[in-house]
Amino acid sequence: MKVQYIGLEEINGPLVFIKTPKNIVFEEQVVIELKNGEKRIGDVIRLDKDITTIQVYESTTGMNSKDIKTEFMGTPLMIDLSKQMLGRVFNGTSKPIDELGEIKPDVRRDINSKPINPIAREYPKNYIQTGISSIDVLMTLIRGQKLPIFSGSGMNHNELTEKIIRQANINDSGDFAVVFGLMGAEYETAEYFKKSFEENGVLSKVVMFQNLSSDSAIERILTPKIALTCAEYLAFDLGMQVLVVLTDMTAYAESLREISTLKGEIPSRKGYPGYLYSDLASIYERAGQIKGRKGTITQIPILTMPNDDISHPIPDITGYITEGQIVLSRELYQKGISPPINILDSLSRLMKDGVGEGFTRDNHIKIADQIFTSYSKVQEVRALAKVLGESDLSFVDKKYLEFGKAFEEKFINQDLYETRTIYASLDLALELLKILPEEELNKL
């Protein structure tokens, strides 16, 4: 049942306060109508005995405490969903912004979907090919997995994101789609992604939701939930294999901290709310596969680590929830290696069950193990060379230096528009391992 009230008690940034009405519930959708007829949406985020707090997803600019109509809709925030969303661009509140008009909805869904019940989950198997050698061979992305990318300020994670979206595909005939949630991005960054998708002919398989840095920070709280609601419709209603890419989760967490401060909540680590873990988990745990359903949701959240600190609350918590991580290296980035993936700090915990016999090649895991072992030895030899000098190294140590240089320049380093199949990447890895003496290849 809809309930309407006139006037507000207070406005504080993106939050508005009203005397607590009767018969309203937490997370109920609210429509606020200004004197000029303009409408803005929000939802109930706090219910106290006397005062109810509402967060407004669009700006509160131009609002005053009088002459405001507040209508409680009696339902959670709902969005329209349709297969027509593929190839379209929406803002952070799911409104089309690509001048192609409104979509004709097939269903309406609550954006506050619950994580998949563990009992209903199917164990993730089979891989998604990204065309990037270091990911496909060493930290293979498995369907239904959540595998974050940890980057740093100023590094080229946007180029890596664009490359993954452009090149990602599955190794069978199933329908494949990408849901891309962009949060707190500069206008130029959003245009870079849209232009790339259009020029490379991949926009037709992408649903893009964008929240710009100039948009309301509150809207960023909405963007990943809307993106995942769309992904759930495509995967579990239409049976598609869906890859969800969310960037930047740091911008999302910053907005969460801002709202928490405005609500007067007691801060936890570095000022973030104590419920940061459960909030991020409610997003990440919406990835997976459900028994009896054809579709899957695979999730790649991307975040920038403040000061490259992997122990910062955002990457730290993310690492606990997800099944591995891909870490970008500042050192490799400064060397001109792109994508600058630090393979020794990266892993995919579900990789062993989605590659090998029946999926890629029988020796895939052995090749990956040998590379990790050999590249780890490279780091030891490099440290030793700084003390002794390269001329005093043994023959075998010099071979490790040669392998390390070739591995970074030919395997990790990959041109922005160079796509390698997973089989071509495995062949390249084997070829580079031949640089080392045969007795050193004890994993093959």
Protein backbone atom coordinates (compact mmCIF):
# COMPACT_ATOMS: atom_id res chain seq x y z
CA MET A 1 0.00 0.00 0.00
CA LYS A 2 1.33 3.43 -0.96
CA VAL A 3 1.57 6.11 1.74
CA GLN A 4 2.18 9.81 1.02
CA TYR A 5 3.46 12.54 3.38
CA ILE A 6 4.10 16.26 2.96
CA GLY A 7 7.31 17.96 4.15
CA LEU A 8 10.65 16.83 5.58
CA GLU A 9 12.27 17.28 8.97
CA GLU A 10 15.84 17.75 7.69
CA ILE A 11 18.15 17.38 4.69
CA ASN A 12 21.79 16.36 5.23
CA GLY A 13 23.74 15.73 2.01
CA PRO A 14 22.17 12.75 0.23
CA LEU A 15 20.05 11.88 3.27
CA VAL A 16 16.63 13.24 4.15
CA PHE A 17 14.77 12.73 7.43
CA ILE A 18 11.03 12.47 8.04
CA LYS A 19 8.87 11.79 11.07
CA THR A 20 8.45 8.01 11.15
CA PRO A 21 5.21 7.13 9.32
CA LYS A 22 3.14 4.07 10.11
CA ASN A 23 3.33 0.81 8.18
CA ILE A 24 6.68 1.31 6.42
CA VAL A 25 9.58 -1.15 6.27
CA PHE A 26 13.36 -1.15 5.90
CA GLU A 27 14.61 -0.78 2.27
CA GLU A 28 11.16 0.30 1.07
CA GLN A 29 11.24 2.35 -2.13
CA VAL A 30 10.50 6.06 -1.78
CA VAL A 31 9.56 8.57 -4.47
CA ILE A 32 10.20 12.21 -3.54
CA GLU A 33 8.34 14.81 -5.63
CA LEU A 34 9.61 18.40 -5.69
CA LYS A 35 7.40 21.47 -6.02
CA ASN A 36 8.17 21.70 -9.78
CA GLY A 37 6.99 18.12 -10.33
CA GLU A 38 10.45 16.55 -10.59
CA LYS A 39 10.66 13.11 -8.99
CA ARG A 40 13.66 11.46 -7.35
CA ILE A 41 13.98 7.96 -5.95
CA GLY A 42 15.38 6.69 -2.67
CA ASP A 43 14.86 4.04 -0.05
CA VAL A 44 14.52 3.69 3.70
CA ILE A 45 17.87 2.94 5.31
CA ARG A 46 17.06 3.53 8.98
CA LEU A 47 13.93 3.26 11.07
CA ASP A 48 13.97 4.92 14.48
CA LYS A 49 11.02 5.45 16.78
CA ASP A 50 10.58 9.10 15.85
CA ILE A 51 12.68 9.70 12.70
CA THR A 52 13.06 7.70 9.48
CA THR A 53 16.19 8.16 7.36
CA ILE A 54 15.92 8.01 3.57
CA GLN A 55 18.86 7.97 1.16
CA VAL A 56 18.18 9.78 -2.11
CA TYR A 57 19.96 8.15 -5.04
CA GLU A 58 19.76 11.27 -7.14
CA SER A 59 21.03 14.60 -5.82
CA THR A 60 19.15 16.46 -3.09
CA THR A 61 20.08 19.75 -4.81
CA GLY A 62 17.05 22.00 -5.13
CA MET A 63 15.13 20.28 -2.37
CA ASN A 64 13.82 22.03 0.73
CA SER A 65 12.07 20.74 3.80
CA LYS A 66 8.73 22.26 2.76
CA ASP A 67 6.51 21.59 -0.26
CA ILE A 68 8.04 18.11 -0.70
CA LYS A 69 5.82 15.08 -1.24
CA THR A 70 7.27 11.82 0.01
CA GLU A 71 5.53 8.68 -1.22
CA PHE A 72 6.32 5.28 0.28
CA MET A 73 5.68 2.71 -2.45
CA GLY A 74 5.12 -0.35 -0.27
CA THR A 75 7.75 -2.37 -2.17
CA PRO A 76 11.56 -2.50 -2.38
CA LEU A 77 13.33 -0.69 -5.22
CA MET A 78 12.44 -2.51 -8.46
CA ILE A 79 13.93 -2.30 -11.95
CA ASP A 80 12.66 -3.30 -15.40
CA LEU A 81 14.50 -6.16 -17.11
CA SER A 82 14.53 -7.43 -20.66
CA LYS A 83 16.87 -9.12 -23.13
CA GLN A 84 16.66 -5.80 -25.01
CA MET A 85 19.11 -4.45 -22.40
CA LEU A 86 21.96 -6.14 -24.27
CA GLY A 87 23.85 -3.53 -26.27
CA ARG A 88 22.45 -0.68 -24.17
CA VAL A 89 24.01 1.87 -21.79
CA PHE A 90 22.25 2.91 -18.55
CA ASN A 91 23.08 5.22 -15.68
CA GLY A 92 23.62 3.99 -12.14
CA THR A 93 19.87 3.93 -11.45
CA SER A 94 19.08 1.83 -14.58
CA LYS A 95 17.74 4.69 -16.72
CA PRO A 96 18.78 4.48 -20.43
CA ILE A 97 21.30 7.19 -21.42
CA ASP A 98 22.17 6.05 -24.95
CA GLU A 99 19.33 7.89 -26.71
CA LEU A 100 17.79 4.62 -27.94
CA GLY A 101 14.65 5.04 -25.86
CA GLU A 102 13.09 3.05 -23.06
CA ILE A 103 13.18 -0.74 -23.02
CA LYS A 104 10.02 -2.85 -23.06
CA PRO A 105 10.24 -4.78 -19.77
CA ASP A 106 9.63 -8.51 -19.56
CA VAL A 107 9.86 -8.60 -15.76
CA ARG A 108 10.37 -6.31 -12.77
CA ARG A 109 12.73 -7.39 -10.02
CA ASP A 110 13.78 -6.28 -6.55
CA ILE A 111 17.43 -5.16 -6.69
CA ASN A 112 18.08 -6.52 -3.17
CA SER A 113 18.40 -10.13 -4.24
CA LYS A 114 19.84 -12.54 -1.70
CA PRO A 115 23.12 -14.43 -2.17
CA ILE A 116 22.74 -17.91 -3.65
CA ASN A 117 21.86 -20.54 -1.05
CA PRO A 118 24.97 -22.75 -0.57
CA ILE A 119 22.81 -25.88 -0.79
CA ALA A 120 21.51 -24.78 -4.20
CA ARG A 121 24.98 -24.03 -5.60
CA GLU A 122 26.57 -26.12 -8.33
CA TYR A 123 30.36 -26.43 -7.98
CA PRO A 124 31.95 -24.13 -10.62
CA LYS A 125 33.64 -25.93 -13.53
CA ASN A 126 34.76 -25.07 -17.05
CA TYR A 127 36.62 -21.90 -17.90
CA ILE A 128 36.11 -18.53 -19.54
CA GLN A 129 38.87 -17.67 -21.99
CA THR A 130 40.09 -14.08 -21.65
CA GLY A 131 42.74 -14.22 -24.39
CA ILE A 132 45.34 -13.05 -21.83
CA SER A 133 48.09 -15.64 -21.36
CA SER A 134 48.94 -15.02 -17.71
CA ILE A 135 45.28 -15.26 -16.66
CA ASP A 136 44.26 -18.19 -18.87
CA VAL A 137 47.26 -20.38 -18.02
CA LEU A 138 48.15 -19.44 -14.45
CA MET A 139 44.96 -18.16 -12.77
CA THR A 140 42.25 -19.49 -15.04
CA LEU A 141 38.85 -17.83 -14.69
CA ILE A 142 36.20 -20.48 -13.97
CA ARG A 143 32.50 -20.03 -14.72
CA GLY A 144 30.63 -19.13 -11.56
CA GLN A 145 33.79 -17.86 -9.85
CA LYS A 146 34.43 -14.50 -8.25
CA LEU A 147 38.00 -13.44 -9.09
CA PRO A 148 38.94 -9.83 -8.23
CA ILE A 149 41.69 -7.70 -9.75
CA PHE A 150 43.77 -5.67 -7.28
CA SER A 151 45.30 -2.63 -8.95
CA GLY A 152 46.83 0.66 -7.85
CA SER A 153 46.25 4.33 -8.56
CA GLY A 154 47.52 5.33 -12.02
CA MET A 155 48.02 1.78 -13.28
CA ASN A 156 46.44 0.55 -16.50
CA HIS A 157 43.62 -1.56 -15.06
CA ASN A 158 41.11 0.18 -17.34
CA GLU A 159 42.94 -1.14 -20.40
CA LEU A 160 42.99 -4.62 -18.85
CA THR A 161 39.27 -4.37 -18.05
CA GLU A 162 38.46 -3.32 -21.62
CA LYS A 163 40.61 -6.16 -23.00
CA ILE A 164 38.88 -8.78 -20.83
CA ILE A 165 35.39 -7.57 -21.81
CA ARG A 166 36.33 -7.39 -25.50
CA GLN A 167 38.01 -10.79 -25.67
CA ALA A 168 36.20 -12.92 -23.09
CA ASN A 169 34.34 -15.94 -24.46
CA ILE A 170 33.31 -19.45 -23.48
CA ASN A 171 34.50 -22.64 -25.12
CA ASP A 172 31.13 -24.03 -26.16
CA SER A 173 27.99 -22.86 -27.96
CA GLY A 174 26.21 -21.34 -24.95
CA ASP A 175 24.97 -17.73 -25.04
CA PHE A 176 27.50 -15.34 -23.50
CA ALA A 177 26.96 -11.81 -22.13
CA VAL A 178 28.87 -9.21 -20.12
CA VAL A 179 27.30 -6.92 -17.51
CA PHE A 180 29.62 -3.99 -16.85
CA GLY A 181 29.18 -1.77 -13.79
CA LEU A 182 31.29 1.40 -13.82
CA MET A 183 31.40 3.35 -10.53
CA GLY A 184 32.91 6.75 -9.76
CA ALA A 185 34.58 7.00 -13.18
CA GLU A 186 35.68 10.12 -15.01
CA TYR A 187 33.64 11.04 -18.10
CA GLU A 188 36.64 10.33 -20.36
CA THR A 189 36.95 6.81 -18.90
CA ALA A 190 33.29 6.01 -19.55
CA GLU A 191 33.59 7.30 -23.12
CA TYR A 192 36.76 5.22 -23.63
CA PHE A 193 34.87 2.03 -22.75
CA LYS A 194 31.80 2.86 -24.83
CA LYS A 195 33.85 3.85 -27.88
CA SER A 196 35.96 0.70 -27.62
CA PHE A 197 32.92 -1.58 -27.34
CA GLU A 198 31.28 0.08 -30.35
CA GLU A 199 34.40 0.07 -32.56
CA ASN A 200 35.24 -3.55 -31.77
CA GLY A 201 31.72 -4.84 -32.25
CA VAL A 202 31.23 -6.22 -28.74
CA LEU A 203 28.62 -3.75 -27.48
CA SER A 204 25.84 -6.12 -28.59
CA LYS A 205 26.85 -8.61 -25.87
CA VAL A 206 27.36 -5.94 -23.16
CA VAL A 207 24.94 -4.28 -20.74
CA MET A 208 26.67 -1.20 -19.32
CA PHE A 209 25.70 0.68 -16.15
CA GLN A 210 27.75 3.80 -15.48
CA ASN A 211 28.03 6.05 -12.46
CA LEU A 212 30.37 8.99 -13.08
CA SER A 213 32.44 10.86 -10.53
CA SER A 214 30.15 13.86 -11.15
CA ASP A 215 27.06 11.79 -10.30
CA SER A 216 25.65 11.33 -6.84
CA ALA A 217 27.90 9.27 -4.59
CA ILE A 218 24.78 7.59 -3.22
CA GLU A 219 24.04 6.29 -6.73
CA ARG A 220 27.24 4.22 -6.49
CA ILE A 221 25.62 2.13 -3.77
CA LEU A 222 22.90 1.25 -6.25
CA THR A 223 25.01 0.49 -9.34
CA PRO A 224 26.46 -2.96 -8.44
CA LYS A 225 23.10 -4.16 -7.11
CA ILE A 226 21.34 -3.17 -10.33
CA ALA A 227 24.10 -4.72 -12.46
CA LEU A 228 23.84 -8.01 -10.57
CA THR A 229 20.04 -8.03 -10.75
CA CYS A 230 20.35 -7.70 -14.53
CA ALA A 231 22.97 -10.49 -14.57
CA GLU A 232 20.71 -12.79 -12.54
CA TYR A 233 17.91 -12.27 -15.03
CA LEU A 234 20.15 -13.04 -18.02
CA ALA A 235 21.73 -16.07 -16.33
CA PHE A 236 18.93 -17.73 -14.39
CA ASP A 237 15.91 -16.68 -16.47
CA LEU A 238 17.44 -16.77 -19.97
CA GLY A 239 20.15 -19.39 -19.39
CA MET A 240 23.10 -17.26 -20.47
CA GLN A 241 26.73 -17.45 -19.32
CA VAL A 242 27.22 -14.00 -17.77
CA LEU A 243 30.46 -12.25 -16.85
CA VAL A 244 29.96 -9.34 -14.42
CA VAL A 245 32.77 -6.77 -14.28
CA LEU A 246 32.52 -4.16 -11.50
CA THR A 247 34.98 -1.27 -11.29
CA ASP A 248 35.95 0.46 -9.09
CA MET A 249 34.89 -1.25 -5.85
CA THR A 250 37.06 1.22 -3.93
CA ALA A 251 34.75 4.03 -5.11
CA TYR A 252 31.80 1.95 -3.91
CA ALA A 253 33.37 1.44 -0.47
CA GLU A 254 34.19 5.15 -0.19
CA SER A 255 30.52 5.98 -0.80
CA LEU A 256 29.54 3.44 1.83
CA ARG A 257 31.88 5.16 4.29
CA GLU A 258 30.44 8.58 3.41
CA ILE A 259 26.88 7.44 4.07
CA SER A 260 27.90 5.73 7.31
CA THR A 261 29.47 8.98 8.53
CA LEU A 262 26.35 10.98 7.68
CA LYS A 263 24.23 8.48 9.60
CA GLY A 264 26.47 8.98 12.65
CA GLU A 265 27.56 5.34 12.84
CA ILE A 266 30.64 4.33 14.83
CA PRO A 267 33.50 3.81 12.35
CA SER A 268 35.68 0.71 12.16
CA ARG A 269 39.05 0.22 10.38
CA LYS A 270 40.19 3.41 8.60
CA GLY A 271 36.75 4.96 9.05
CA TYR A 272 34.84 2.30 7.11
CA PRO A 273 31.64 0.96 8.67
CA GLY A 274 31.82 -2.24 10.68
CA TYR A 275 29.48 -3.93 8.22
CA LEU A 276 31.83 -3.43 5.23
CA TYR A 277 32.58 -7.18 5.17
CA SER A 278 28.91 -8.25 5.09
CA ASP A 279 28.06 -5.53 2.57
CA LEU A 280 30.78 -6.59 0.13
CA ALA A 281 29.87 -10.25 0.69
CA SER A 282 26.25 -9.48 -0.27
CA ILE A 283 27.61 -8.35 -3.66
CA TYR A 284 30.32 -10.95 -4.27
CA GLU A 285 28.19 -13.93 -3.18
CA ARG A 286 25.66 -13.25 -5.93
CA ALA A 287 28.07 -14.96 -8.33
CA GLY A 288 27.77 -18.68 -8.99
CA GLN A 289 25.76 -21.44 -10.59
CA ILE A 290 22.44 -22.88 -9.36
CA LYS A 291 21.64 -26.58 -9.60
CA GLY A 292 19.26 -27.27 -12.47
CA ARG A 293 19.92 -23.92 -14.15
CA LYS A 294 21.89 -23.62 -17.38
CA GLY A 295 23.24 -20.11 -16.80
CA THR A 296 26.10 -18.93 -14.59
CA ILE A 297 27.30 -15.64 -13.13
CA THR A 298 31.06 -15.08 -13.04
CA GLN A 299 32.26 -11.95 -11.30
CA ILE A 300 35.41 -9.83 -11.70
CA PRO A 301 35.38 -6.97 -9.18
CA ILE A 302 38.21 -4.50 -9.77
CA LEU A 303 39.57 -2.26 -7.04
CA THR A 304 42.44 0.17 -6.59
CA MET A 305 44.48 -0.45 -3.46
CA PRO A 306 45.16 2.85 -1.65
CA ASN A 307 48.94 3.35 -1.61
CA ASP A 308 49.30 -0.13 -3.20
CA ASP A 309 48.52 -1.56 0.25
CA ILE A 310 47.10 -5.06 -0.11
CA SER A 311 46.36 -5.12 3.65
CA HIS A 312 44.00 -2.13 3.29
CA PRO A 313 40.45 -3.07 4.45
CA ILE A 314 38.94 -3.16 0.93
CA PRO A 315 41.38 -5.64 -0.72
CA ASP A 316 41.86 -7.47 2.58
CA ILE A 317 38.14 -8.16 3.02
CA THR A 318 37.68 -8.86 -0.69
CA GLY A 319 40.41 -11.50 -0.57
CA TYR A 320 38.65 -13.33 2.25
CA ILE A 321 35.33 -13.49 0.39
CA THR A 322 36.47 -14.30 -3.15
CA GLU A 323 38.17 -17.35 -4.66
CA GLY A 324 41.59 -15.92 -5.37
CA GLN A 325 42.84 -12.63 -6.82
CA ILE A 326 44.79 -11.13 -9.71
CA VAL A 327 47.33 -8.60 -8.44
CA LEU A 328 48.90 -5.95 -10.67
CA SER A 329 52.55 -5.05 -10.05
CA ARG A 330 53.79 -1.46 -9.89
CA GLU A 331 57.31 -2.71 -10.71
CA LEU A 332 56.21 -4.50 -13.89
CA TYR A 333 54.08 -1.52 -14.87
CA GLN A 334 57.10 0.77 -14.60
CA LYS A 335 59.07 -1.68 -16.78
CA GLY A 336 56.46 -1.25 -19.52
CA ILE A 337 55.03 -4.77 -19.09
CA SER A 338 51.31 -4.83 -19.88
CA PRO A 339 49.19 -6.21 -18.34
CA PRO A 340 51.53 -5.95 -15.33
CA ILE A 341 50.25 -9.06 -13.53
CA ASN A 342 52.27 -10.21 -10.54
CA ILE A 343 51.81 -13.96 -10.98
CA LEU A 344 53.42 -14.87 -7.64
CA ASP A 345 50.86 -12.85 -5.67
CA SER A 346 47.96 -14.03 -7.84
CA LEU A 347 45.97 -17.26 -7.82
CA SER A 348 42.68 -18.85 -8.79
CA ARG A 349 41.50 -21.28 -6.12
CA LEU A 350 38.98 -22.97 -8.44
CA MET A 351 41.38 -23.39 -11.36
CA LYS A 352 42.31 -27.04 -10.69
CA ASP A 353 38.73 -28.26 -11.24
CA GLY A 354 38.03 -26.26 -14.41
CA VAL A 355 41.09 -27.03 -16.53
CA GLY A 356 43.01 -30.12 -17.57
CA GLU A 357 41.51 -33.24 -19.12
CA GLY A 358 38.12 -32.57 -20.69
CA PHE A 359 38.55 -28.80 -20.51
CA THR A 360 41.98 -27.65 -21.76
CA ARG A 361 44.99 -29.99 -21.86
CA ASP A 362 46.06 -32.83 -19.60
CA ASN A 363 49.32 -31.07 -18.73
CA HIS A 364 47.84 -27.63 -18.01
CA ILE A 365 48.27 -27.82 -14.22
CA LYS A 366 51.81 -29.19 -14.57
CA ILE A 367 52.79 -26.32 -16.87
CA ALA A 368 51.31 -23.77 -14.44
CA ASP A 369 53.11 -25.36 -11.47
CA GLN A 370 56.42 -25.33 -13.35
CA ILE A 371 56.06 -21.66 -14.27
CA PHE A 372 55.29 -20.66 -10.68
CA THR A 373 58.27 -22.68 -9.42
CA SER A 374 60.68 -21.36 -12.04
CA TYR A 375 59.57 -17.71 -11.83
CA SER A 376 59.87 -17.85 -8.03
CA LYS A 377 63.45 -19.03 -8.49
CA VAL A 378 64.01 -16.08 -10.87
CA GLN A 379 63.24 -13.65 -8.03
CA GLU A 380 65.78 -15.40 -5.79
CA VAL A 381 68.47 -15.24 -8.49
CA ARG A 382 67.75 -11.55 -9.17
CA ALA A 383 68.23 -10.78 -5.47
CA LEU A 384 71.47 -12.75 -5.50
CA ALA A 385 72.69 -10.93 -8.63
CA LYS A 386 72.29 -7.59 -6.85
CA VAL A 387 74.79 -8.77 -4.23
CA LEU A 388 77.29 -10.77 -6.30
CA GLY A 389 76.82 -9.29 -9.76
CA GLU A 390 75.63 -11.30 -12.76
CA SER A 391 79.14 -12.26 -13.84
CA ASP A 392 79.65 -14.36 -10.68
CA LEU A 393 76.42 -16.33 -11.08
CA SER A 394 76.43 -20.00 -12.04
CA PHE A 395 75.39 -21.20 -15.51
CA VAL A 396 72.00 -22.36 -14.19
CA ASP A 397 71.37 -19.05 -12.41
CA LYS A 398 72.13 -17.14 -15.60
CA LYS A 399 69.60 -19.33 -17.42
CA TYR A 400 67.02 -18.38 -14.82
CA LEU A 401 67.71 -14.69 -15.44
CA GLU A 402 67.31 -15.30 -19.18
CA PHE A 403 64.05 -17.15 -18.60
CA GLY A 404 62.70 -14.42 -16.30
CA LYS A 405 63.39 -11.67 -18.83
CA ALA A 406 61.88 -13.65 -21.73
CA PHE A 407 58.87 -14.72 -19.64
CA GLU A 408 57.99 -11.15 -18.70
CA GLU A 409 58.56 -9.71 -22.17
CA LYS A 410 56.95 -12.47 -24.25
CA PHE A 411 54.40 -14.19 -22.00
CA ILE A 412 53.13 -11.67 -19.43
CA ASN A 413 53.56 -8.74 -21.81
CA GLN A 414 50.84 -8.75 -24.43
CA ASP A 415 49.76 -6.12 -26.92
CA LEU A 416 46.40 -4.50 -26.17
CA TYR A 417 44.83 -6.06 -29.28
CA GLU A 418 46.69 -9.38 -29.25
CA THR A 419 44.39 -12.29 -28.44
CA ARG A 420 45.89 -15.67 -27.63
CA THR A 421 43.87 -18.84 -27.30
CA ILE A 422 44.46 -20.80 -24.15
CA TYR A 423 46.20 -23.47 -26.27
CA ALA A 424 48.52 -20.92 -27.89
CA SER A 425 49.38 -19.63 -24.42
CA LEU A 426 50.20 -23.13 -23.19
CA ASP A 427 52.44 -23.68 -26.23
CA LEU A 428 54.23 -20.39 -25.58
CA ALA A 429 54.76 -21.30 -21.93
CA LEU A 430 56.34 -24.63 -22.88
CA GLU A 431 58.59 -22.94 -25.44
CA LEU A 432 59.88 -20.44 -22.87
CA LEU A 433 60.49 -23.15 -20.28
CA LYS A 434 62.92 -24.79 -22.74
CA ILE A 435 65.33 -21.93 -21.91
CA LEU A 436 66.00 -23.70 -18.60
CA PRO A 437 68.12 -26.86 -18.31
CA GLU A 438 65.99 -30.00 -18.52
CA GLU A 439 66.91 -31.12 -15.02
CA GLU A 440 65.31 -27.92 -13.62
CA LEU A 441 61.91 -28.80 -15.08
CA ASN A 442 60.94 -31.17 -12.30
CA LYS A 443 57.19 -30.39 -12.41
CA LEU A 444 56.65 -31.50 -16.02
